[in-house]
Amino acid sequence: MQITDTEAAPLIENTTVVFGLLMTILGLVFYTSSLSNKYIKGFYNFIPPLLLCYFLPGLLNSFNIIDGENSPLTTIGSRYFLPACLILFVLSLDLKEMWSLRKRAGLMFITGTIGIVLGGPLAVYLTALVAPDVVGGAGPDEVWRGLGSLAGSWIGGSANQVALKEILQPSPNLFSSIIAVDVFVAYIWMAFLLYGASKYKAFDKFFKADSEDVEHLKAKMDEKVKSNSRIPETKDLMIMVALAFGGTGLATLLADPIATFMATNYPETEKFSLTNSFFWLILFATIFGISCSFTSARKLEYAGASKIGTVLLYVLITTIGMQMNILAILDNPGLFIVGIIWISFHALLLLIVGKIFKVPFFYYGVGSMANVGGVASASVISAAFHPSLISVGVILSVFSYAIGTYAGWLTALLMKIASGM
């Protein structure tokens, strides 16, 4: 839900036209970013193309050119393109290599989670000292209720956020404000991480990090691709599409009845997101993709499976971006400050741990986004470093879905205490 002008109809209402506009934006961004003009290259050195793919659709929504909130494209993006691209990305998953990364990837992920759990109460407490009304309220308008749902989003994703919304019952207006804070703060933080991905060597030098294991994985995957890559035939492309969307269909077929079964027979598992079909959809799609990686299907990577997945991912990015309302935060500047303090503590804790253990910036970025951004954002950040690293973000993000509601619920209780309620 976003704060929009409900009285005025958007300039463009036809879904086909909106989709065409979004694809045009993608085409323009990729075309201009490939130009050799020094001014354009300088612009894209400062503003990553990925960031524009988020914010340009957000501008269209903010100025009521399109209605991103109510567009069916947002559901299509999350329910069709997200699981499909995940399947294609993990086709080439090498679990042996992933296991070798467990220590530093796991360390930064857990650090990121702790940063959200402790950062929320700290932000509420500090804000209450200066402006108690910002984190006050009564009944359904108690701000900690809305911030609790935000904790679910920042330790998991939208499924966890919805689950905590149902548990904590914030008012619709409060939840709308929280969505604005979620979008703005998370995307501002993501913008920094995207920038950091383009300058990761400088950050690694600051951390005095040994990125040998990350570079080894990238080199190994690159060598495999170079020695085995081939021009895809129509048969290859059709098999990729069949696996991607057939797997999505199978995951959906399994997810819906399991979610219904859990909600009917074990309603108490709602706090763990086990009654949410989207959680099961992502889980089963990822399991399907990993299962295929043990078969000859993994060779489809050499015909461009991850490239097809990347196309789907960028389409997904525009459908996420079109939900942004850049003007909404102006109605809630106090909550925006709470969000900034909160994410800053999360970032600082990651920085301290990363510096102490000399962790490469890749683990910093994916460890953070696997919490704050969920599967889609973690995949984007991983891809910004190298397509072969996407599976790390996917695995961590799926794990964050599993713990997000519980950790978010704990964070909400701590914020309630911090606010003096």
Protein backbone atom coordinates (compact mmCIF):
# COMPACT_ATOMS: atom_id res chain seq x y z
CA MET A 1 0.00 0.00 0.00
CA GLN A 2 1.26 3.47 -0.83
CA ILE A 3 0.09 7.02 -0.35
CA THR A 4 -1.35 8.14 -3.65
CA ASP A 5 -3.88 10.59 -4.94
CA THR A 6 -6.96 8.40 -4.99
CA GLU A 7 -9.12 11.08 -6.60
CA ALA A 8 -7.14 11.48 -9.82
CA ALA A 9 -6.84 8.63 -12.31
CA PRO A 10 -3.33 7.94 -13.61
CA LEU A 11 -2.44 9.31 -17.02
CA ILE A 12 -1.82 5.79 -18.39
CA GLU A 13 -4.19 3.05 -17.21
CA ASN A 14 -3.83 0.41 -19.92
CA THR A 15 -1.65 -2.40 -18.56
CA THR A 16 -0.19 -3.24 -21.98
CA VAL A 17 0.89 0.37 -22.49
CA VAL A 18 2.40 0.49 -18.99
CA PHE A 19 4.36 -2.70 -19.62
CA GLY A 20 5.60 -1.32 -22.94
CA LEU A 21 6.71 1.86 -21.18
CA LEU A 22 8.63 -0.12 -18.57
CA MET A 23 10.37 -2.19 -21.25
CA THR A 24 11.24 1.01 -23.11
CA ILE A 25 12.88 2.33 -19.95
CA LEU A 26 14.96 -0.85 -19.69
CA GLY A 27 15.98 -0.57 -23.33
CA LEU A 28 17.00 3.09 -23.00
CA VAL A 29 18.98 2.45 -19.82
CA PHE A 30 20.90 -0.45 -21.34
CA TYR A 31 21.45 1.35 -24.65
CA THR A 32 22.71 4.59 -23.11
CA SER A 33 24.88 2.78 -20.55
CA SER A 34 26.71 1.05 -23.40
CA LEU A 35 27.57 4.31 -25.21
CA SER A 36 31.17 5.50 -25.25
CA ASN A 37 30.38 9.20 -24.74
CA LYS A 38 32.54 10.37 -21.82
CA TYR A 39 29.74 12.37 -20.20
CA ILE A 40 27.31 9.48 -20.34
CA LYS A 41 29.98 7.09 -19.05
CA GLY A 42 30.70 9.53 -16.24
CA PHE A 43 27.00 9.65 -15.36
CA TYR A 44 26.73 5.87 -15.19
CA ASN A 45 29.91 5.67 -13.14
CA PHE A 46 28.07 7.74 -10.54
CA ILE A 47 24.54 6.39 -11.06
CA PRO A 48 24.49 2.62 -11.70
CA PRO A 49 22.09 1.46 -14.45
CA LEU A 50 20.42 -0.90 -11.97
CA LEU A 51 19.43 2.03 -9.80
CA LEU A 52 17.75 3.81 -12.72
CA CYS A 53 15.76 0.66 -13.44
CA TYR A 54 14.25 1.06 -9.98
CA PHE A 55 13.82 4.82 -9.76
CA LEU A 56 12.57 5.77 -13.23
CA PRO A 57 9.42 3.60 -12.86
CA GLY A 58 9.11 5.04 -9.35
CA LEU A 59 9.01 8.55 -10.78
CA LEU A 60 6.21 7.54 -13.16
CA ASN A 61 4.21 6.23 -10.21
CA SER A 62 4.99 9.20 -7.95
CA PHE A 63 3.70 11.72 -10.50
CA ASN A 64 0.58 9.67 -11.23
CA ILE A 65 1.58 8.82 -14.77
CA ILE A 66 0.99 5.15 -13.93
CA ASP A 67 -0.62 3.37 -10.98
CA GLY A 68 2.05 1.00 -9.77
CA GLU A 69 0.22 0.01 -6.59
CA ASN A 70 -2.80 -1.48 -8.31
CA SER A 71 -1.16 -2.75 -11.48
CA PRO A 72 -1.34 -6.51 -12.11
CA LEU A 73 2.27 -6.26 -13.30
CA THR A 74 3.49 -6.17 -9.70
CA THR A 75 1.89 -9.55 -9.00
CA ILE A 76 3.13 -10.95 -12.30
CA GLY A 77 6.64 -9.81 -11.41
CA SER A 78 6.69 -11.43 -7.97
CA ARG A 79 4.71 -14.58 -8.81
CA TYR A 80 6.02 -15.34 -12.31
CA PHE A 81 9.32 -13.61 -13.03
CA LEU A 82 10.93 -13.87 -9.59
CA PRO A 83 10.66 -17.66 -9.15
CA ALA A 84 11.45 -18.21 -12.85
CA CYS A 85 14.66 -16.20 -12.76
CA LEU A 86 15.68 -17.86 -9.49
CA ILE A 87 15.38 -21.28 -11.12
CA LEU A 88 17.57 -20.19 -14.03
CA PHE A 89 20.12 -18.61 -11.72
CA VAL A 90 20.62 -21.68 -9.54
CA LEU A 91 20.77 -24.19 -12.40
CA SER A 92 24.56 -23.91 -12.30
CA LEU A 93 24.79 -23.95 -8.51
CA ASP A 94 27.92 -25.68 -7.22
CA LEU A 95 27.07 -26.63 -3.63
CA LYS A 96 30.64 -27.70 -2.92
CA GLU A 97 31.87 -24.19 -3.74
CA MET A 98 29.03 -22.65 -1.75
CA TRP A 99 29.99 -24.67 1.31
CA SER A 100 33.51 -23.28 1.12
CA LEU A 101 32.03 -19.77 1.51
CA ARG A 102 29.91 -20.63 4.55
CA LYS A 103 31.99 -18.96 7.25
CA ARG A 104 32.22 -15.39 5.99
CA ALA A 105 28.88 -15.35 4.13
CA GLY A 106 27.10 -16.76 7.18
CA LEU A 107 28.93 -14.40 9.54
CA MET A 108 27.83 -11.28 7.68
CA PHE A 109 24.27 -12.53 7.25
CA ILE A 110 23.86 -13.18 10.99
CA THR A 111 25.53 -9.84 11.74
CA GLY A 112 23.04 -8.13 9.44
CA THR A 113 20.13 -9.82 11.21
CA ILE A 114 21.42 -8.77 14.64
CA GLY A 115 21.85 -5.25 13.30
CA ILE A 116 18.15 -5.09 12.41
CA VAL A 117 16.95 -6.71 15.66
CA LEU A 118 18.96 -4.31 17.84
CA GLY A 119 18.91 -1.30 15.51
CA GLY A 120 15.11 -0.93 15.59
CA PRO A 121 14.80 -0.57 19.38
CA LEU A 122 17.84 1.73 19.44
CA ALA A 123 16.33 3.98 16.76
CA VAL A 124 13.01 4.12 18.62
CA TYR A 125 14.73 4.88 21.95
CA LEU A 126 16.88 7.69 20.51
CA THR A 127 13.94 9.22 18.67
CA ALA A 128 11.77 9.04 21.81
CA LEU A 129 14.36 11.11 23.70
CA VAL A 130 14.02 13.97 21.21
CA ALA A 131 10.56 13.59 19.67
CA PRO A 132 8.44 11.05 21.62
CA ASP A 133 5.35 11.78 19.52
CA VAL A 134 7.06 10.34 16.45
CA VAL A 135 7.23 6.88 18.04
CA GLY A 136 4.11 7.20 20.20
CA GLY A 137 0.48 6.68 19.26
CA ALA A 138 -2.36 4.71 20.78
CA GLY A 139 -4.09 1.44 19.92
CA PRO A 140 -3.64 0.46 16.26
CA ASP A 141 -1.71 3.71 15.71
CA GLU A 142 1.07 2.74 18.12
CA VAL A 143 4.11 3.27 15.93
CA TRP A 144 5.95 0.17 17.19
CA ARG A 145 3.25 -1.96 15.57
CA GLY A 146 4.01 -0.53 12.15
CA LEU A 147 7.76 -0.63 12.73
CA GLY A 148 7.37 -4.28 13.74
CA SER A 149 5.99 -5.07 10.30
CA LEU A 150 8.95 -3.19 8.83
CA ALA A 151 11.26 -5.44 10.85
CA GLY A 152 9.65 -8.42 9.12
CA SER A 153 10.42 -6.87 5.75
CA TRP A 154 14.02 -6.13 6.74
CA ILE A 155 14.62 -9.64 8.09
CA GLY A 156 13.04 -11.65 5.31
CA GLY A 157 10.75 -9.91 2.87
CA SER A 158 7.20 -8.97 1.99
CA ALA A 159 5.79 -12.32 3.13
CA ASN A 160 7.19 -11.77 6.61
CA GLN A 161 6.00 -8.17 6.60
CA VAL A 162 2.44 -9.20 5.78
CA ALA A 163 2.54 -11.90 8.45
CA LEU A 164 3.66 -9.40 11.09
CA LYS A 165 1.07 -6.90 9.91
CA GLU A 166 -1.61 -9.48 10.66
CA ILE A 167 -0.04 -10.30 14.03
CA LEU A 168 0.57 -6.70 15.21
CA GLN A 169 -2.47 -5.10 13.53
CA PRO A 170 -1.19 -1.55 12.79
CA SER A 171 -3.76 0.86 11.40
CA PRO A 172 -4.00 1.20 7.59
CA ASN A 173 -2.64 4.76 7.69
CA LEU A 174 0.31 3.78 9.85
CA PHE A 175 1.08 0.81 7.64
CA SER A 176 0.99 3.06 4.56
CA SER A 177 3.57 5.34 6.17
CA ILE A 178 5.74 2.36 7.08
CA ILE A 179 5.66 1.15 3.47
CA ALA A 180 6.97 4.55 2.38
CA VAL A 181 9.79 4.33 4.93
CA ASP A 182 10.54 0.77 3.83
CA VAL A 183 10.79 1.68 0.17
CA PHE A 184 12.82 4.86 0.59
CA VAL A 185 15.30 3.76 3.24
CA ALA A 186 15.83 0.31 1.74
CA TYR A 187 16.38 1.71 -1.76
CA ILE A 188 18.72 4.44 -0.51
CA TRP A 189 20.74 1.74 1.23
CA MET A 190 20.58 -0.47 -1.84
CA ALA A 191 21.84 2.45 -3.93
CA PHE A 192 24.92 2.64 -1.73
CA LEU A 193 25.51 -1.10 -2.03
CA LEU A 194 25.15 -0.94 -5.82
CA TYR A 195 27.67 1.86 -5.86
CA GLY A 196 29.93 -0.18 -3.59
CA ALA A 197 29.66 -3.16 -5.92
CA SER A 198 31.10 -1.04 -8.72
CA LYS A 199 33.95 0.08 -6.42
CA TYR A 200 34.36 -3.17 -4.48
CA LYS A 201 38.14 -3.28 -4.87
CA ALA A 202 38.50 0.03 -3.03
CA PHE A 203 36.22 -1.22 -0.25
CA ASP A 204 38.15 -4.49 -0.02
CA LYS A 205 41.34 -2.47 0.36
CA PHE A 206 39.74 -0.52 3.22
CA PHE A 207 38.69 -3.77 4.92
CA LYS A 208 42.13 -5.25 4.18
CA ALA A 209 40.06 -8.16 2.94
CA ASP A 210 41.27 -11.36 1.39
CA SER A 211 38.80 -12.00 -1.40
CA GLU A 212 40.65 -15.01 -2.75
CA ASP A 213 37.71 -17.38 -2.21
CA VAL A 214 35.30 -15.05 -4.04
CA GLU A 215 37.73 -14.48 -6.90
CA HIS A 216 38.39 -18.21 -7.10
CA LEU A 217 34.68 -18.93 -7.48
CA LYS A 218 34.26 -16.24 -10.15
CA ALA A 219 37.34 -17.44 -12.06
CA LYS A 220 36.22 -21.04 -11.90
CA MET A 221 32.74 -20.22 -13.15
CA ASP A 222 34.13 -17.95 -15.88
CA GLU A 223 36.51 -20.66 -17.04
CA LYS A 224 33.69 -23.16 -17.21
CA VAL A 225 31.59 -20.77 -19.26
CA LYS A 226 34.43 -19.88 -21.65
CA SER A 227 35.39 -23.50 -22.27
CA ASN A 228 31.84 -24.79 -22.61
CA SER A 229 29.79 -21.83 -23.85
CA ARG A 230 27.93 -22.22 -27.11
CA ILE A 231 25.41 -20.38 -29.22
CA PRO A 232 21.97 -21.40 -27.93
CA GLU A 233 19.67 -23.23 -30.28
CA THR A 234 15.91 -22.78 -30.26
CA LYS A 235 15.70 -26.09 -28.40
CA ASP A 236 17.93 -24.72 -25.62
CA LEU A 237 15.86 -21.59 -25.21
CA MET A 238 12.62 -23.55 -25.12
CA ILE A 239 14.00 -25.92 -22.47
CA MET A 240 15.13 -22.94 -20.37
CA VAL A 241 11.69 -21.36 -20.59
CA ALA A 242 10.06 -24.72 -19.83
CA LEU A 243 12.21 -25.26 -16.75
CA ALA A 244 11.78 -21.68 -15.53
CA PHE A 245 8.02 -21.38 -15.86
CA GLY A 246 7.24 -25.08 -15.55
CA GLY A 247 9.14 -25.04 -12.27
CA THR A 248 7.27 -21.90 -11.25
CA GLY A 249 3.98 -23.63 -12.00
CA LEU A 250 5.00 -26.72 -10.02
CA ALA A 251 6.14 -24.58 -7.08
CA THR A 252 2.83 -22.72 -7.13
CA LEU A 253 0.89 -25.99 -7.36
CA LEU A 254 2.64 -27.20 -4.20
CA ALA A 255 2.74 -23.87 -2.38
CA ASP A 256 -0.96 -22.97 -2.34
CA PRO A 257 -2.36 -26.18 -0.80
CA ILE A 258 0.50 -26.44 1.71
CA ALA A 259 -0.06 -22.86 2.84
CA THR A 260 -3.80 -23.56 3.14
CA PHE A 261 -3.11 -26.79 5.06
CA MET A 262 -0.79 -25.01 7.47
CA ALA A 263 -3.26 -22.17 7.98
CA THR A 264 -6.12 -24.60 8.65
CA ASN A 265 -4.35 -27.13 10.85
CA TYR A 266 -1.44 -25.19 12.31
CA PRO A 267 -2.52 -21.53 12.39
CA GLU A 268 0.08 -20.80 15.05
CA THR A 269 2.78 -21.25 12.37
CA GLU A 270 1.64 -17.98 10.82
CA LYS A 271 4.28 -16.24 12.92
CA PHE A 272 6.90 -18.19 10.97
CA SER A 273 5.33 -17.30 7.58
CA LEU A 274 4.46 -20.98 7.03
CA THR A 275 0.87 -20.06 6.20
CA ASN A 276 1.98 -17.68 3.45
CA SER A 277 1.93 -19.20 -0.03
CA PHE A 278 4.63 -16.80 -1.29
CA PHE A 279 7.12 -18.22 1.21
CA TRP A 280 6.47 -21.75 -0.07
CA LEU A 281 6.56 -20.58 -3.69
CA ILE A 282 10.06 -19.17 -3.32
CA LEU A 283 11.22 -22.16 -1.30
CA PHE A 284 9.95 -24.76 -3.80
CA ALA A 285 11.18 -22.80 -6.82
CA THR A 286 14.65 -22.63 -5.32
CA ILE A 287 14.59 -26.34 -4.41
CA PHE A 288 13.50 -27.15 -7.97
CA GLY A 289 16.36 -25.12 -9.43
CA ILE A 290 18.92 -26.66 -7.08
CA SER A 291 17.62 -30.16 -7.92
CA CYS A 292 18.09 -29.43 -11.61
CA SER A 293 21.69 -28.40 -10.91
CA PHE A 294 22.45 -32.08 -10.19
CA THR A 295 21.30 -33.06 -13.68
CA SER A 296 22.43 -32.31 -17.21
CA ALA A 297 20.20 -29.22 -17.05
CA ARG A 298 23.10 -27.39 -15.40
CA LYS A 299 24.82 -27.38 -18.82
CA LEU A 300 22.16 -24.93 -20.00
CA GLU A 301 24.22 -22.26 -18.27
CA TYR A 302 26.68 -22.59 -21.13
CA ALA A 303 23.87 -21.70 -23.54
CA GLY A 304 22.97 -18.61 -21.55
CA ALA A 305 20.53 -19.67 -18.80
CA SER A 306 21.69 -16.95 -16.40
CA LYS A 307 21.42 -14.36 -19.19
CA ILE A 308 17.76 -15.28 -19.70
CA GLY A 309 17.37 -15.16 -15.92
CA THR A 310 18.94 -11.70 -15.87
CA VAL A 311 16.43 -10.44 -18.44
CA LEU A 312 13.58 -11.68 -16.23
CA LEU A 313 15.26 -10.13 -13.20
CA TYR A 314 15.43 -6.69 -14.80
CA VAL A 315 11.77 -6.92 -15.78
CA LEU A 316 11.07 -7.80 -12.14
CA ILE A 317 13.09 -4.78 -11.01
CA THR A 318 10.89 -2.39 -12.99
CA THR A 319 7.73 -3.92 -11.47
CA ILE A 320 9.20 -3.40 -8.00
CA GLY A 321 10.24 0.14 -8.81
CA MET A 322 6.81 1.08 -10.14
CA GLN A 323 5.39 0.62 -6.63
CA MET A 324 7.49 3.46 -5.23
CA ASN A 325 5.91 6.77 -4.35
CA ILE A 326 8.78 9.21 -4.05
CA LEU A 327 6.55 11.95 -2.59
CA ALA A 328 4.96 9.83 0.15
CA ILE A 329 7.74 10.21 2.69
CA LEU A 330 7.12 13.96 2.88
CA ASP A 331 4.06 13.19 5.01
CA ASN A 332 6.11 11.26 7.58
CA PRO A 333 9.57 12.80 7.97
CA GLY A 334 9.89 11.66 11.59
CA LEU A 335 9.48 7.99 10.69
CA PHE A 336 11.97 8.50 7.90
CA ILE A 337 14.57 9.56 10.49
CA VAL A 338 13.79 6.45 12.54
CA GLY A 339 14.42 4.32 9.47
CA ILE A 340 17.70 6.10 8.71
CA ILE A 341 19.00 5.57 12.26
CA TRP A 342 17.88 1.96 12.13
CA ILE A 343 19.58 1.08 8.85
CA SER A 344 22.68 3.07 9.87
CA PHE A 345 23.15 0.88 12.94
CA HIS A 346 22.74 -2.19 10.74
CA ALA A 347 25.38 -0.83 8.34
CA LEU A 348 27.75 0.19 11.14
CA LEU A 349 27.62 -3.23 12.78
CA LEU A 350 28.38 -4.89 9.45
CA LEU A 351 31.23 -2.43 8.95
CA ILE A 352 32.77 -3.21 12.34
CA VAL A 353 32.52 -6.98 11.92
CA GLY A 354 33.71 -6.78 8.32
CA LYS A 355 36.72 -4.71 9.35
CA ILE A 356 37.62 -7.01 12.25
CA PHE A 357 37.39 -10.20 10.20
CA LYS A 358 38.66 -8.59 6.97
CA VAL A 359 35.60 -9.64 5.00
CA PRO A 360 35.28 -8.78 1.26
CA PHE A 361 32.65 -6.20 0.37
CA PHE A 362 30.68 -8.85 -1.52
CA TYR A 363 29.78 -10.56 1.75
CA TYR A 364 28.95 -7.17 3.26
CA GLY A 365 26.50 -6.38 0.47
CA VAL A 366 24.84 -9.76 0.10
CA GLY A 367 24.72 -10.30 3.88
CA SER A 368 22.85 -7.03 4.24
CA MET A 369 20.48 -7.36 1.29
CA ALA A 370 19.58 -10.97 2.11
CA ASN A 371 18.04 -9.41 5.22
CA VAL A 372 16.83 -5.98 4.13
CA GLY A 373 15.88 -6.68 0.54
CA GLY A 374 14.97 -10.36 0.38
CA VAL A 375 15.45 -12.62 -2.62
CA ALA A 376 15.04 -10.05 -5.40
CA SER A 377 17.35 -7.39 -3.95
CA ALA A 378 19.97 -9.91 -2.79
CA SER A 379 19.98 -11.35 -6.31
CA VAL A 380 20.45 -7.88 -7.79
CA ILE A 381 23.34 -7.08 -5.45
CA SER A 382 24.97 -10.47 -6.13
CA ALA A 383 24.58 -9.98 -9.87
CA ALA A 384 26.24 -6.56 -9.60
CA PHE A 385 29.38 -8.36 -8.42
CA HIS A 386 29.12 -11.35 -10.77
CA PRO A 387 26.25 -13.50 -12.12
CA SER A 388 27.91 -16.66 -10.77
CA LEU A 389 27.52 -15.31 -7.22
CA ILE A 390 23.74 -14.91 -7.36
CA SER A 391 23.13 -18.30 -5.78
CA VAL A 392 24.81 -17.10 -2.55
CA GLY A 393 22.24 -14.32 -2.21
CA VAL A 394 19.39 -16.68 -3.05
CA ILE A 395 20.31 -19.24 -0.40
CA LEU A 396 20.79 -16.61 2.32
CA SER A 397 17.52 -14.90 1.36
CA VAL A 398 15.52 -18.12 1.56
CA PHE A 399 16.95 -18.67 5.03
CA SER A 400 15.97 -15.12 6.00
CA TYR A 401 12.38 -15.89 4.97
CA ALA A 402 12.44 -18.77 7.45
CA ILE A 403 13.51 -16.63 10.42
CA GLY A 404 12.13 -13.23 9.37
CA THR A 405 8.76 -13.32 11.11
CA TYR A 406 10.11 -14.65 14.40
CA ALA A 407 13.05 -12.21 14.49
CA GLY A 408 10.75 -9.37 13.40
CA TRP A 409 8.28 -10.23 16.16
CA LEU A 410 11.11 -10.11 18.71
CA THR A 411 12.23 -6.76 17.31
CA ALA A 412 8.68 -5.42 17.60
CA LEU A 413 8.51 -6.36 21.28
CA LEU A 414 11.85 -4.67 21.93
CA MET A 415 10.64 -1.53 20.12
CA LYS A 416 7.49 -1.52 22.24
CA ILE A 417 9.65 -1.48 25.37
CA ALA A 418 11.96 1.19 23.90
CA SER A 419 9.00 3.44 23.08
CA GLY A 420 7.74 3.25 26.69
CA MET A 421 4.45 1.61 25.72
